[in-house]
């Protein structure tokens, strides 16, 4: 591109109408996109590679013959303008304040693919408050830093229907923010790398509520889930399931305090039944076996020794096949 100027080639940047016509008649010219290396018929004529005006070059000349050299020079001067003006930048068109031909201050950049940024610029970069609208329907309004979403802002993602209002760092959700999901769920809390991370609260559209810790999008660590049916769990979580020490209260009022694994009772714990009975010992929803001491509300105490659970309508209320009087 630059070497061609030595031999008389002219840029197709000025005015903007010239660029549009060059893109139409002189496709992929290196005077528009330097990386292509394509010497179009008009440039070839200007630098002496050919002595005749080829049809495409003639079409371009006919389309631009009403543009004067004065208009060309004025547009060229605007490329280094300080003040308000319009100029092409790559395949986009910028209108706004400039400093030495670079966007600086309030301005709007409109790309050919439909992307539009309107807001503040500093030395050619989006910086400060601004709004970006993408051709795919995504939008962002908020703070920018060196062309990156950075600071507080609001992002709408068209493909998922999500709206996020909160903090960003280097284009990612990071810090405290609120996300409104398309299905009606809502999350309020901390984020990292676009995922829930740290303390937060998820309000589900069905009435369930989780309050506690997250690890990169999954409930993990200490937390409490309150289900819409009145049941609840407070304790340790791993990969969105109760795991470790915790307390589960069923909608019926039955309460279990003890160990969990992958969402099920598994390990040592105490179960307080609605009828007043208490079982202390080993529990397992996974293998349906138990070993411990069962205290009846009438005062009788039995040692439950390796017996199996009866599969009743409530799997947490079991009878034993064999009991040994507690010595």
C-alpha atoms as a PDB file:
ATOM      1  CA  UNK A   1       0.000   0.000   0.000  1.00  0.00           C
ATOM      2  CA  UNK A   2       2.623   2.526   1.067  1.00  0.00           C
ATOM      3  CA  UNK A   3       5.056   1.592  -1.714  1.00  0.00           C
ATOM      4  CA  UNK A   4       2.286   2.089  -4.277  1.00  0.00           C
ATOM      5  CA  UNK A   5       1.998   5.731  -3.183  1.00  0.00           C
ATOM      6  CA  UNK A   6       5.553   6.313  -4.397  1.00  0.00           C
ATOM      7  CA  UNK A   7       4.383   5.488  -7.912  1.00  0.00           C
ATOM      8  CA  UNK A   8       1.277   7.648  -7.747  1.00  0.00           C
ATOM      9  CA  UNK A   9      -1.428   5.421  -6.255  1.00  0.00           C
ATOM     10  CA  UNK A  10      -4.175   7.246  -4.363  1.00  0.00           C
ATOM     11  CA  UNK A  11      -5.990   6.179  -1.216  1.00  0.00           C
ATOM     12  CA  UNK A  12      -9.664   5.341  -1.590  1.00  0.00           C
ATOM     13  CA  UNK A  13     -10.482   6.620   1.899  1.00  0.00           C
ATOM     14  CA  UNK A  14     -11.569  10.149   1.043  1.00  0.00           C
ATOM     15  CA  UNK A  15     -14.341  11.099   0.979  1.00  0.00           C
ATOM     16  CA  UNK A  16     -16.196   8.135   2.439  1.00  0.00           C
ATOM     17  CA  UNK A  17     -18.314   7.851  -0.732  1.00  0.00           C
ATOM     18  CA  UNK A  18     -15.131   7.095  -2.686  1.00  0.00           C
ATOM     19  CA  UNK A  19     -14.318   4.209  -0.397  1.00  0.00           C
ATOM     20  CA  UNK A  20     -17.793   2.741  -0.808  1.00  0.00           C
ATOM     21  CA  UNK A  21     -17.523   2.951  -4.599  1.00  0.00           C
ATOM     22  CA  UNK A  22     -14.015   1.460  -4.546  1.00  0.00           C
ATOM     23  CA  UNK A  23     -15.299  -1.482  -2.493  1.00  0.00           C
ATOM     24  CA  UNK A  24     -18.014  -1.967  -5.109  1.00  0.00           C
ATOM     25  CA  UNK A  25     -15.872  -1.722  -8.263  1.00  0.00           C
ATOM     26  CA  UNK A  26     -12.322  -2.555  -7.056  1.00  0.00           C
ATOM     27  CA  UNK A  27     -12.867  -5.449  -4.677  1.00  0.00           C
ATOM     28  CA  UNK A  28     -10.091  -6.225  -2.154  1.00  0.00           C
ATOM     29  CA  UNK A  29      -7.808  -3.481  -3.398  1.00  0.00           C
ATOM     30  CA  UNK A  30      -4.665  -3.045  -1.293  1.00  0.00           C
ATOM     31  CA  UNK A  31      -5.506   0.660  -1.218  1.00  0.00           C
ATOM     32  CA  UNK A  32      -8.484  -0.268   0.972  1.00  0.00           C
ATOM     33  CA  UNK A  33      -7.190  -3.361   2.783  1.00  0.00           C
ATOM     34  CA  UNK A  34      -3.404  -3.383   2.764  1.00  0.00           C
ATOM     35  CA  UNK A  35      -3.099  -7.039   3.740  1.00  0.00           C
ATOM     36  CA  UNK A  36      -4.773  -8.352   0.589  1.00  0.00           C
ATOM     37  CA  UNK A  37      -1.913  -7.432  -1.748  1.00  0.00           C
ATOM     38  CA  UNK A  38      -4.389  -7.079  -4.616  1.00  0.00           C
ATOM     39  CA  UNK A  39      -3.432  -4.372  -7.113  1.00  0.00           C
ATOM     40  CA  UNK A  40      -6.753  -3.316  -8.599  1.00  0.00           C
ATOM     41  CA  UNK A  41      -7.062  -2.138 -12.269  1.00  0.00           C
ATOM     42  CA  UNK A  42      -7.260   1.549 -11.318  1.00  0.00           C
ATOM     43  CA  UNK A  43      -4.168   1.423  -9.077  1.00  0.00           C
ATOM     44  CA  UNK A  44      -2.338  -0.562 -11.738  1.00  0.00           C
ATOM     45  CA  UNK A  45      -3.022   2.261 -14.210  1.00  0.00           C
ATOM     46  CA  UNK A  46      -1.941   4.982 -11.759  1.00  0.00           C
ATOM     47  CA  UNK A  47       1.422   3.343 -10.981  1.00  0.00           C
ATOM     48  CA  UNK A  48       2.146   2.510 -14.606  1.00  0.00           C
ATOM     49  CA  UNK A  49       1.617  -1.228 -14.604  1.00  0.00           C
ATOM     50  CA  UNK A  50      -0.756  -0.855 -17.507  1.00  0.00           C
ATOM     51  CA  UNK A  51      -1.255   1.821 -20.135  1.00  0.00           C
ATOM     52  CA  UNK A  52      -4.961   1.261 -20.627  1.00  0.00           C
ATOM     53  CA  UNK A  53      -8.021   1.861 -18.516  1.00  0.00           C
ATOM     54  CA  UNK A  54      -9.579  -1.520 -17.908  1.00  0.00           C
ATOM     55  CA  UNK A  55     -13.397  -1.822 -17.602  1.00  0.00           C
ATOM     56  CA  UNK A  56     -13.426  -1.990 -13.811  1.00  0.00           C
ATOM     57  CA  UNK A  57     -11.174   1.070 -13.566  1.00  0.00           C
ATOM     58  CA  UNK A  58     -13.398   2.911 -16.019  1.00  0.00           C
ATOM     59  CA  UNK A  59     -16.502   2.043 -14.014  1.00  0.00           C
ATOM     60  CA  UNK A  60     -14.849   3.403 -10.876  1.00  0.00           C
ATOM     61  CA  UNK A  61     -13.864   6.634 -12.651  1.00  0.00           C
ATOM     62  CA  UNK A  62     -17.375   7.098 -14.024  1.00  0.00           C
ATOM     63  CA  UNK A  63     -18.864   6.584 -10.548  1.00  0.00           C
ATOM     64  CA  UNK A  64     -16.534   9.135  -8.926  1.00  0.00           C
ATOM     65  CA  UNK A  65     -16.191  11.761 -11.667  1.00  0.00           C
ATOM     66  CA  UNK A  66     -18.361  14.251  -9.781  1.00  0.00           C
ATOM     67  CA  UNK A  67     -16.053  14.279  -6.732  1.00  0.00           C
ATOM     68  CA  UNK A  68     -13.647  17.203  -6.953  1.00  0.00           C
ATOM     69  CA  UNK A  69     -10.040  17.352  -5.812  1.00  0.00           C
ATOM     70  CA  UNK A  70     -11.095  19.974  -3.280  1.00  0.00           C
ATOM     71  CA  UNK A  71     -13.524  17.508  -1.697  1.00  0.00           C
ATOM     72  CA  UNK A  72     -10.814  14.875  -1.703  1.00  0.00           C
ATOM     73  CA  UNK A  73      -8.319  17.174   0.015  1.00  0.00           C
ATOM     74  CA  UNK A  74     -10.866  18.368   2.575  1.00  0.00           C
ATOM     75  CA  UNK A  75     -11.640  14.775   3.474  1.00  0.00           C
ATOM     76  CA  UNK A  76      -7.929  13.997   3.619  1.00  0.00           C
ATOM     77  CA  UNK A  77      -7.398  16.941   5.955  1.00  0.00           C
ATOM     78  CA  UNK A  78     -10.206  15.688   8.178  1.00  0.00           C
ATOM     79  CA  UNK A  79      -8.217  12.498   8.706  1.00  0.00           C
ATOM     80  CA  UNK A  80      -5.844  14.473  10.901  1.00  0.00           C
ATOM     81  CA  UNK A  81      -8.490  16.828  12.235  1.00  0.00           C
ATOM     82  CA  UNK A  82      -8.787  17.952  15.813  1.00  0.00           C
ATOM     83  CA  UNK A  83     -12.416  18.721  16.517  1.00  0.00           C
ATOM     84  CA  UNK A  84     -15.743  17.325  15.412  1.00  0.00           C
ATOM     85  CA  UNK A  85     -16.034  15.425  12.150  1.00  0.00           C
ATOM     86  CA  UNK A  86     -16.638  12.211  10.229  1.00  0.00           C
ATOM     87  CA  UNK A  87     -14.041   9.765   8.906  1.00  0.00           C
ATOM     88  CA  UNK A  88     -13.715   6.091   7.939  1.00  0.00           C
ATOM     89  CA  UNK A  89     -11.873   3.778  10.314  1.00  0.00           C
ATOM     90  CA  UNK A  90     -11.227   0.383   8.783  1.00  0.00           C
ATOM     91  CA  UNK A  91     -14.551  -0.876   7.481  1.00  0.00           C
ATOM     92  CA  UNK A  92     -16.463   1.439   9.848  1.00  0.00           C
ATOM     93  CA  UNK A  93     -17.488   5.089   9.871  1.00  0.00           C
ATOM     94  CA  UNK A  94     -16.809   7.370  12.815  1.00  0.00           C
ATOM     95  CA  UNK A  95     -18.683  10.566  13.628  1.00  0.00           C
ATOM     96  CA  UNK A  96     -17.666  12.569  16.648  1.00  0.00           C
ATOM     97  CA  UNK A  97     -14.834  14.371  18.361  1.00  0.00           C
ATOM     98  CA  UNK A  98     -11.248  13.675  17.326  1.00  0.00           C
ATOM     99  CA  UNK A  99      -7.740  14.637  18.264  1.00  0.00           C
ATOM    100  CA  UNK A 100      -5.230  14.532  15.394  1.00  0.00           C
ATOM    101  CA  UNK A 101      -7.580  12.334  13.443  1.00  0.00           C
ATOM    102  CA  UNK A 102      -8.131   9.826  16.269  1.00  0.00           C
ATOM    103  CA  UNK A 103     -11.468   9.427  18.139  1.00  0.00           C
ATOM    104  CA  UNK A 104     -11.152  11.373  21.363  1.00  0.00           C
ATOM    105  CA  UNK A 105     -14.218  12.474  23.292  1.00  0.00           C
ATOM    106  CA  UNK A 106     -17.841  11.649  22.472  1.00  0.00           C
ATOM    107  CA  UNK A 107     -18.444   9.838  19.209  1.00  0.00           C
ATOM    108  CA  UNK A 108     -20.160   7.012  17.350  1.00  0.00           C
ATOM    109  CA  UNK A 109     -18.526   4.226  15.356  1.00  0.00           C
ATOM    110  CA  UNK A 110     -20.779   2.310  12.964  1.00  0.00           C
ATOM    111  CA  UNK A 111     -19.403  -0.874  11.386  1.00  0.00           C
ATOM    112  CA  UNK A 112     -20.565  -2.363   8.116  1.00  0.00           C
ATOM    113  CA  UNK A 113     -21.711  -5.545   9.885  1.00  0.00           C
ATOM    114  CA  UNK A 114     -24.191  -3.544  11.974  1.00  0.00           C
ATOM    115  CA  UNK A 115     -22.194  -3.167  15.201  1.00  0.00           C
ATOM    116  CA  UNK A 116     -22.485   0.318  16.733  1.00  0.00           C
ATOM    117  CA  UNK A 117     -20.582   1.938  19.598  1.00  0.00           C
ATOM    118  CA  UNK A 118     -21.649   5.306  20.918  1.00  0.00           C
ATOM    119  CA  UNK A 119     -19.863   6.876  23.838  1.00  0.00           C
ATOM    120  CA  UNK A 120     -16.558   8.205  25.069  1.00  0.00           C
ATOM    121  CA  UNK A 121     -13.172   7.653  23.430  1.00  0.00           C
ATOM    122  CA  UNK A 122      -9.629   8.300  24.596  1.00  0.00           C
ATOM    123  CA  UNK A 123      -6.855   8.277  21.983  1.00  0.00           C
ATOM    124  CA  UNK A 124      -8.786   5.962  19.670  1.00  0.00           C
ATOM    125  CA  UNK A 125     -10.002   3.489  22.313  1.00  0.00           C
ATOM    126  CA  UNK A 126     -13.415   3.059  23.914  1.00  0.00           C
ATOM    127  CA  UNK A 127     -12.807   4.467  27.358  1.00  0.00           C
ATOM    128  CA  UNK A 128     -15.289   5.772  29.899  1.00  0.00           C
ATOM    129  CA  UNK A 129     -19.059   5.538  29.531  1.00  0.00           C
ATOM    130  CA  UNK A 130     -20.472   4.067  26.350  1.00  0.00           C
ATOM    131  CA  UNK A 131     -23.010   1.779  24.716  1.00  0.00           C
ATOM    132  CA  UNK A 132     -22.190  -1.056  22.302  1.00  0.00           C
ATOM    133  CA  UNK A 133     -24.916  -2.668  20.236  1.00  0.00           C
ATOM    134  CA  UNK A 134     -23.919  -5.770  18.289  1.00  0.00           C
ATOM    135  CA  UNK A 135     -25.587  -7.008  15.117  1.00  0.00           C
ATOM    136  CA  UNK A 136     -26.525 -10.275  16.901  1.00  0.00           C
ATOM    137  CA  UNK A 137     -28.738  -8.357  19.355  1.00  0.00           C
ATOM    138  CA  UNK A 138     -26.342  -8.196  22.310  1.00  0.00           C
ATOM    139  CA  UNK A 139     -26.022  -4.821  24.066  1.00  0.00           C
ATOM    140  CA  UNK A 140     -23.760  -3.349  26.724  1.00  0.00           C
ATOM    141  CA  UNK A 141     -24.063   0.009  28.471  1.00  0.00           C
ATOM    142  CA  UNK A 142     -21.519   1.017  31.051  1.00  0.00           C
ATOM    143  CA  UNK A 143     -17.850   1.638  31.694  1.00  0.00           C
ATOM    144  CA  UNK A 144     -15.013   0.818  29.265  1.00  0.00           C
ATOM    145  CA  UNK A 145     -11.255   0.699  29.617  1.00  0.00           C
ATOM    146  CA  UNK A 146      -9.029   0.431  26.524  1.00  0.00           C
ATOM    147  CA  UNK A 147     -11.800  -1.151  24.400  1.00  0.00           C
ATOM    148  CA  UNK A 148     -12.764  -3.622  27.145  1.00  0.00           C
ATOM    149  CA  UNK A 149     -15.910  -3.733  29.290  1.00  0.00           C
ATOM    150  CA  UNK A 150     -14.413  -2.796  32.638  1.00  0.00           C
ATOM    151  CA  UNK A 151     -16.226  -1.345  35.638  1.00  0.00           C
ATOM    152  CA  UNK A 152     -19.951  -1.209  36.241  1.00  0.00           C
ATOM    153  CA  UNK A 153     -22.324  -1.920  33.393  1.00  0.00           C
ATOM    154  CA  UNK A 154     -25.394  -3.678  32.047  1.00  0.00           C
ATOM    155  CA  UNK A 155     -25.134  -6.493  29.505  1.00  0.00           C
ATOM    156  CA  UNK A 156     -27.964  -8.168  27.612  1.00  0.00           C
ATOM    157  CA  UNK A 157     -27.228 -11.454  25.811  1.00  0.00           C
ATOM    158  CA  UNK A 158     -29.754 -12.094  23.070  1.00  0.00           C
ATOM    159  CA  UNK A 159     -28.990 -15.808  22.597  1.00  0.00           C
ATOM    160  CA  UNK A 160     -29.808 -16.683  26.230  1.00  0.00           C
ATOM    161  CA  UNK A 161     -32.145 -13.839  27.194  1.00  0.00           C
ATOM    162  CA  UNK A 162     -29.946 -13.014  30.208  1.00  0.00           C
ATOM    163  CA  UNK A 163     -29.556  -9.482  31.563  1.00  0.00           C
ATOM    164  CA  UNK A 164     -26.627  -8.830  33.888  1.00  0.00           C
ATOM    165  CA  UNK A 165     -26.194  -5.642  35.907  1.00  0.00           C
ATOM    166  CA  UNK A 166     -22.986  -5.351  37.866  1.00  0.00           C
ATOM    167  CA  UNK A 167     -19.227  -5.273  37.714  1.00  0.00           C
ATOM    168  CA  UNK A 168     -16.979  -6.281  34.806  1.00  0.00           C
ATOM    169  CA  UNK A 169     -13.237  -6.784  34.456  1.00  0.00           C
ATOM    170  CA  UNK A 170     -11.610  -7.258  31.033  1.00  0.00           C
ATOM    171  CA  UNK A 171     -14.932  -8.109  29.326  1.00  0.00           C
ATOM    172  CA  UNK A 172     -15.959 -10.677  31.974  1.00  0.00           C
ATOM    173  CA  UNK A 173     -18.470 -10.598  34.810  1.00  0.00           C
ATOM    174  CA  UNK A 174     -16.296 -10.173  37.873  1.00  0.00           C
ATOM    175  CA  UNK A 175     -17.206  -8.739  41.262  1.00  0.00           C
ATOM    176  CA  UNK A 176     -20.748  -8.171  42.518  1.00  0.00           C
ATOM    177  CA  UNK A 177     -23.672  -8.321  40.132  1.00  0.00           C
ATOM    178  CA  UNK A 178     -27.249  -9.396  39.501  1.00  0.00           C
ATOM    179  CA  UNK A 179     -28.314 -11.666  36.650  1.00  0.00           C
ATOM    180  CA  UNK A 180     -31.904 -11.949  35.443  1.00  0.00           C
ATOM    181  CA  UNK A 181     -32.420 -15.213  33.543  1.00  0.00           C
ATOM    182  CA  UNK A 182     -34.901 -15.713  30.734  1.00  0.00           C
ATOM    183  CA  UNK A 183     -36.895 -18.334  32.705  1.00  0.00           C
ATOM    184  CA  UNK A 184     -37.480 -15.893  35.582  1.00  0.00           C
ATOM    185  CA  UNK A 185     -34.693 -17.048  37.931  1.00  0.00           C
ATOM    186  CA  UNK A 186     -32.481 -14.343  39.467  1.00  0.00           C
ATOM    187  CA  UNK A 187     -28.998 -14.478  40.977  1.00  0.00           C
ATOM    188  CA  UNK A 188     -27.485 -11.781  43.206  1.00  0.00           C
ATOM    189  CA  UNK A 189     -23.906 -12.121  44.369  1.00  0.00           C
ATOM    190  CA  UNK A 190     -20.275 -12.425  43.410  1.00  0.00           C
ATOM    191  CA  UNK A 191     -18.855 -13.471  40.036  1.00  0.00           C
ATOM    192  CA  UNK A 192     -15.544 -14.497  38.508  1.00  0.00           C
ATOM    193  CA  UNK A 193     -14.813 -15.437  34.891  1.00  0.00           C
ATOM    194  CA  UNK A 194     -18.492 -14.976  33.972  1.00  0.00           C
ATOM    195  CA  UNK A 195     -19.607 -17.538  36.600  1.00  0.00           C
ATOM    196  CA  UNK A 196     -21.156 -17.295  40.062  1.00  0.00           C
ATOM    197  CA  UNK A 197     -18.223 -17.423  42.452  1.00  0.00           C
ATOM    198  CA  UNK A 198     -18.227 -16.594  46.163  1.00  0.00           C
ATOM    199  CA  UNK A 199     -21.234 -15.608  48.242  1.00  0.00           C
ATOM    200  CA  UNK A 200     -24.550 -15.239  46.456  1.00  0.00           C
ATOM    201  CA  UNK A 201     -28.263 -15.907  46.421  1.00  0.00           C
ATOM    202  CA  UNK A 202     -30.340 -17.595  43.723  1.00  0.00           C
ATOM    203  CA  UNK A 203     -34.075 -16.921  43.637  1.00  0.00           C
ATOM    204  CA  UNK A 204     -35.819 -19.542  41.504  1.00  0.00           C
ATOM    205  CA  UNK A 205     -39.075 -18.805  39.717  1.00  0.00           C
ATOM    206  CA  UNK A 206     -40.701 -21.838  41.419  1.00  0.00           C
ATOM    207  CA  UNK A 207     -40.101 -20.326  44.882  1.00  0.00           C
ATOM    208  CA  UNK A 208     -36.903 -22.178  45.843  1.00  0.00           C
ATOM    209  CA  UNK A 209     -34.128 -20.024  47.360  1.00  0.00           C
ATOM    210  CA  UNK A 210     -30.431 -20.838  47.740  1.00  0.00           C
ATOM    211  CA  UNK A 211     -28.181 -18.609  49.858  1.00  0.00           C
ATOM    212  CA  UNK A 212     -24.536 -19.465  50.232  1.00  0.00           C
ATOM    213  CA  UNK A 213     -21.252 -20.085  48.509  1.00  0.00           C
ATOM    214  CA  UNK A 214     -20.556 -20.816  44.845  1.00  0.00           C
ATOM    215  CA  UNK A 215     -17.461 -22.069  43.079  1.00  0.00           C
ATOM    216  CA  UNK A 216     -17.328 -21.166  39.372  1.00  0.00           C
ATOM    217  CA  UNK A 217     -21.037 -21.615  38.765  1.00  0.00           C
ATOM    218  CA  UNK A 218     -21.807 -24.476  41.168  1.00  0.00           C
ATOM    219  CA  UNK A 219     -23.135 -24.469  44.738  1.00  0.00           C
ATOM    220  CA  UNK A 220     -20.054 -25.411  46.715  1.00  0.00           C
ATOM    221  CA  UNK A 221     -19.106 -24.810  50.343  1.00  0.00           C
ATOM    222  CA  UNK A 222     -21.539 -23.644  53.022  1.00  0.00           C
ATOM    223  CA  UNK A 223     -25.064 -22.785  51.986  1.00  0.00           C
ATOM    224  CA  UNK A 224     -28.781 -23.047  52.659  1.00  0.00           C
ATOM    225  CA  UNK A 225     -31.494 -24.184  50.259  1.00  0.00           C
ATOM    226  CA  UNK A 226     -35.110 -23.451  51.124  1.00  0.00           C
ATOM    227  CA  UNK A 227     -37.504 -25.297  48.848  1.00  0.00           C
ATOM    228  CA  UNK A 228     -40.952 -24.000  48.005  1.00  0.00           C
ATOM    229  CA  UNK A 229     -42.593 -27.039  49.668  1.00  0.00           C
ATOM    230  CA  UNK A 230     -41.205 -25.965  53.073  1.00  0.00           C
ATOM    231  CA  UNK A 231     -38.233 -28.332  53.245  1.00  0.00           C
ATOM    232  CA  UNK A 232     -34.701 -27.002  53.699  1.00  0.00           C
ATOM    233  CA  UNK A 233     -31.052 -27.968  53.868  1.00  0.00           C
ATOM    234  CA  UNK A 234     -28.226 -26.106  55.612  1.00  0.00           C
ATOM    235  CA  UNK A 235     -24.673 -27.327  55.422  1.00  0.00           C
ATOM    236  CA  UNK A 236     -21.905 -28.174  53.042  1.00  0.00           C
ATOM    237  CA  UNK A 237     -22.380 -28.431  49.249  1.00  0.00           C
ATOM    238  CA  UNK A 238     -20.347 -29.824  46.389  1.00  0.00           C
ATOM    239  CA  UNK A 239     -21.243 -29.623  42.674  1.00  0.00           C
ATOM    240  CA  UNK A 240     -24.775 -28.389  43.431  1.00  0.00           C
ATOM    241  CA  UNK A 241     -25.552 -31.224  45.889  1.00  0.00           C
ATOM    242  CA  UNK A 242     -25.471 -31.560  49.703  1.00  0.00           C
ATOM    243  CA  UNK A 243     -22.132 -33.138  50.500  1.00  0.00           C
ATOM    244  CA  UNK A 244     -20.502 -33.319  53.911  1.00  0.00           C
ATOM    245  CA  UNK A 245     -22.002 -32.218  57.199  1.00  0.00           C
ATOM    246  CA  UNK A 246     -25.474 -30.691  57.116  1.00  0.00           C
ATOM    247  CA  UNK A 247     -29.037 -30.501  58.369  1.00  0.00           C
ATOM    248  CA  UNK A 248     -32.055 -31.461  56.256  1.00  0.00           C
ATOM    249  CA  UNK A 249     -35.636 -30.713  57.295  1.00  0.00           C
ATOM    250  CA  UNK A 250     -38.365 -32.341  55.219  1.00  0.00           C
ATOM    251  CA  UNK A 251     -41.702 -30.724  54.474  1.00  0.00           C
ATOM    252  CA  UNK A 252     -43.243 -33.221  56.952  1.00  0.00           C
ATOM    253  CA  UNK A 253     -41.063 -31.856  59.772  1.00  0.00           C
ATOM    254  CA  UNK A 254     -38.640 -34.767  59.916  1.00  0.00           C
ATOM    255  CA  UNK A 255     -35.112 -33.525  60.669  1.00  0.00           C
ATOM    256  CA  UNK A 256     -31.792 -35.178  59.932  1.00  0.00           C
ATOM    257  CA  UNK A 257     -28.461 -33.839  61.197  1.00  0.00           C
ATOM    258  CA  UNK A 258     -25.380 -35.606  59.899  1.00  0.00           C
ATOM    259  CA  UNK A 259     -23.372 -36.576  56.863  1.00  0.00           C
ATOM    260  CA  UNK A 260     -24.416 -36.372  53.221  1.00  0.00           C
ATOM    261  CA  UNK A 261     -22.871 -37.607  50.003  1.00  0.00           C
ATOM    262  CA  UNK A 262     -23.934 -36.526  46.490  1.00  0.00           C
ATOM    263  CA  UNK A 263     -27.238 -35.212  47.798  1.00  0.00           C
ATOM    264  CA  UNK A 264     -28.183 -38.274  49.872  1.00  0.00           C
ATOM    265  CA  UNK A 265     -27.878 -39.122  53.582  1.00  0.00           C
ATOM    266  CA  UNK A 266     -24.729 -41.142  53.880  1.00  0.00           C
ATOM    267  CA  UNK A 267     -22.654 -41.547  57.039  1.00  0.00           C
ATOM    268  CA  UNK A 268     -23.150 -40.870  60.721  1.00  0.00           C
ATOM    269  CA  UNK A 269     -26.094 -38.756  61.785  1.00  0.00           C
ATOM    270  CA  UNK A 270     -29.197 -38.305  63.881  1.00  0.00           C
ATOM    271  CA  UNK A 271     -32.759 -38.410  62.583  1.00  0.00           C
ATOM    272  CA  UNK A 272     -35.602 -36.820  64.527  1.00  0.00           C
ATOM    273  CA  UNK A 273     -38.931 -38.269  63.367  1.00  0.00           C
ATOM    274  CA  UNK A 274     -42.217 -36.405  63.492  1.00  0.00           C
ATOM    275  CA  UNK A 275     -43.706 -38.959  65.902  1.00  0.00           C
ATOM    276  CA  UNK A 276     -40.943 -38.254  68.448  1.00  0.00           C
ATOM    277  CA  UNK A 277     -38.684 -41.260  67.724  1.00  0.00           C
ATOM    278  CA  UNK A 278     -34.949 -40.672  67.295  1.00  0.00           C
ATOM    279  CA  UNK A 279     -32.380 -42.711  65.431  1.00  0.00           C
ATOM    280  CA  UNK A 280     -28.666 -42.169  66.078  1.00  0.00           C
ATOM    281  CA  UNK A 281     -26.089 -43.947  63.941  1.00  0.00           C
ATOM    282  CA  UNK A 282     -25.212 -44.786  60.412  1.00  0.00           C
ATOM    283  CA  UNK A 283     -27.505 -43.688  57.581  1.00  0.00           C
ATOM    284  CA  UNK A 284     -27.409 -44.415  53.890  1.00  0.00           C
ATOM    285  CA  UNK A 285     -29.960 -43.500  51.263  1.00  0.00           C
ATOM    286  CA  UNK A 286     -27.506 -44.945  48.764  1.00  0.00           C
ATOM    287  CA  UNK A 287     -27.259 -48.574  49.958  1.00  0.00           C
ATOM    288  CA  UNK A 288     -30.377 -48.772  52.172  1.00  0.00           C
ATOM    289  CA  UNK A 289     -28.587 -50.068  55.264  1.00  0.00           C
ATOM    290  CA  UNK A 290     -28.131 -48.749  58.746  1.00  0.00           C
ATOM    291  CA  UNK A 291     -26.391 -49.414  62.035  1.00  0.00           C
ATOM    292  CA  UNK A 292     -27.091 -47.505  65.189  1.00  0.00           C
ATOM    293  CA  UNK A 293     -29.454 -46.937  68.084  1.00  0.00           C
ATOM    294  CA  UNK A 294     -33.179 -46.316  67.750  1.00  0.00           C
ATOM    295  CA  UNK A 295     -34.918 -44.461  70.595  1.00  0.00           C
ATOM    296  CA  UNK A 296     -38.694 -44.830  70.672  1.00  0.00           C
ATOM    297  CA  UNK A 297     -40.786 -42.044  72.089  1.00  0.00           C
ATOM    298  CA  UNK A 298     -42.237 -44.506  74.652  1.00  0.00           C
ATOM    299  CA  UNK A 299     -38.797 -44.829  76.207  1.00  0.00           C
ATOM    300  CA  UNK A 300     -37.731 -48.167  74.693  1.00  0.00           C
ATOM    301  CA  UNK A 301     -34.251 -48.277  73.288  1.00  0.00           C
ATOM    302  CA  UNK A 302     -33.006 -50.801  70.720  1.00  0.00           C
ATOM    303  CA  UNK A 303     -29.695 -51.378  69.064  1.00  0.00           C
ATOM    304  CA  UNK A 304     -30.160 -51.642  65.301  1.00  0.00           C
ATOM    305  CA  UNK A 305     -27.423 -53.919  64.119  1.00  0.00           C
ATOM    306  CA  UNK A 306     -26.820 -54.145  60.383  1.00  0.00           C
ATOM    307  CA  UNK A 307     -30.485 -54.317  59.415  1.00  0.00           C
ATOM    308  CA  UNK A 308     -32.046 -53.147  56.136  1.00  0.00           C
ATOM    309  CA  UNK A 309     -34.585 -50.402  55.502  1.00  0.00           C
ATOM    310  CA  UNK A 310     -38.122 -51.210  54.476  1.00  0.00           C
ATOM    311  CA  UNK A 311     -39.009 -49.399  51.239  1.00  0.00           C
ATOM    312  CA  UNK A 312     -42.096 -47.536  52.447  1.00  0.00           C
ATOM    313  CA  UNK A 313     -43.752 -44.528  50.874  1.00  0.00           C
ATOM    314  CA  UNK A 314     -41.443 -42.353  52.967  1.00  0.00           C
ATOM    315  CA  UNK A 315     -37.936 -43.764  52.505  1.00  0.00           C
ATOM    316  CA  UNK A 316     -36.670 -41.964  55.594  1.00  0.00           C
ATOM    317  CA  UNK A 317     -39.058 -43.855  57.942  1.00  0.00           C
ATOM    318  CA  UNK A 318     -37.888 -47.425  58.209  1.00  0.00           C
ATOM    319  CA  UNK A 319     -38.719 -50.571  60.173  1.00  0.00           C
ATOM    320  CA  UNK A 320     -36.117 -53.153  61.138  1.00  0.00           C
ATOM    321  CA  UNK A 321     -36.072 -56.848  60.388  1.00  0.00           C
ATOM    322  CA  UNK A 322     -34.310 -57.664  63.625  1.00  0.00           C
ATOM    323  CA  UNK A 323     -33.779 -55.684  66.826  1.00  0.00           C
ATOM    324  CA  UNK A 324     -31.626 -56.496  69.826  1.00  0.00           C
ATOM    325  CA  UNK A 325     -32.625 -55.017  73.223  1.00  0.00           C
ATOM    326  CA  UNK A 326     -30.122 -52.370  74.166  1.00  0.00           C
ATOM    327  CA  UNK A 327     -28.013 -53.746  77.059  1.00  0.00           C
END
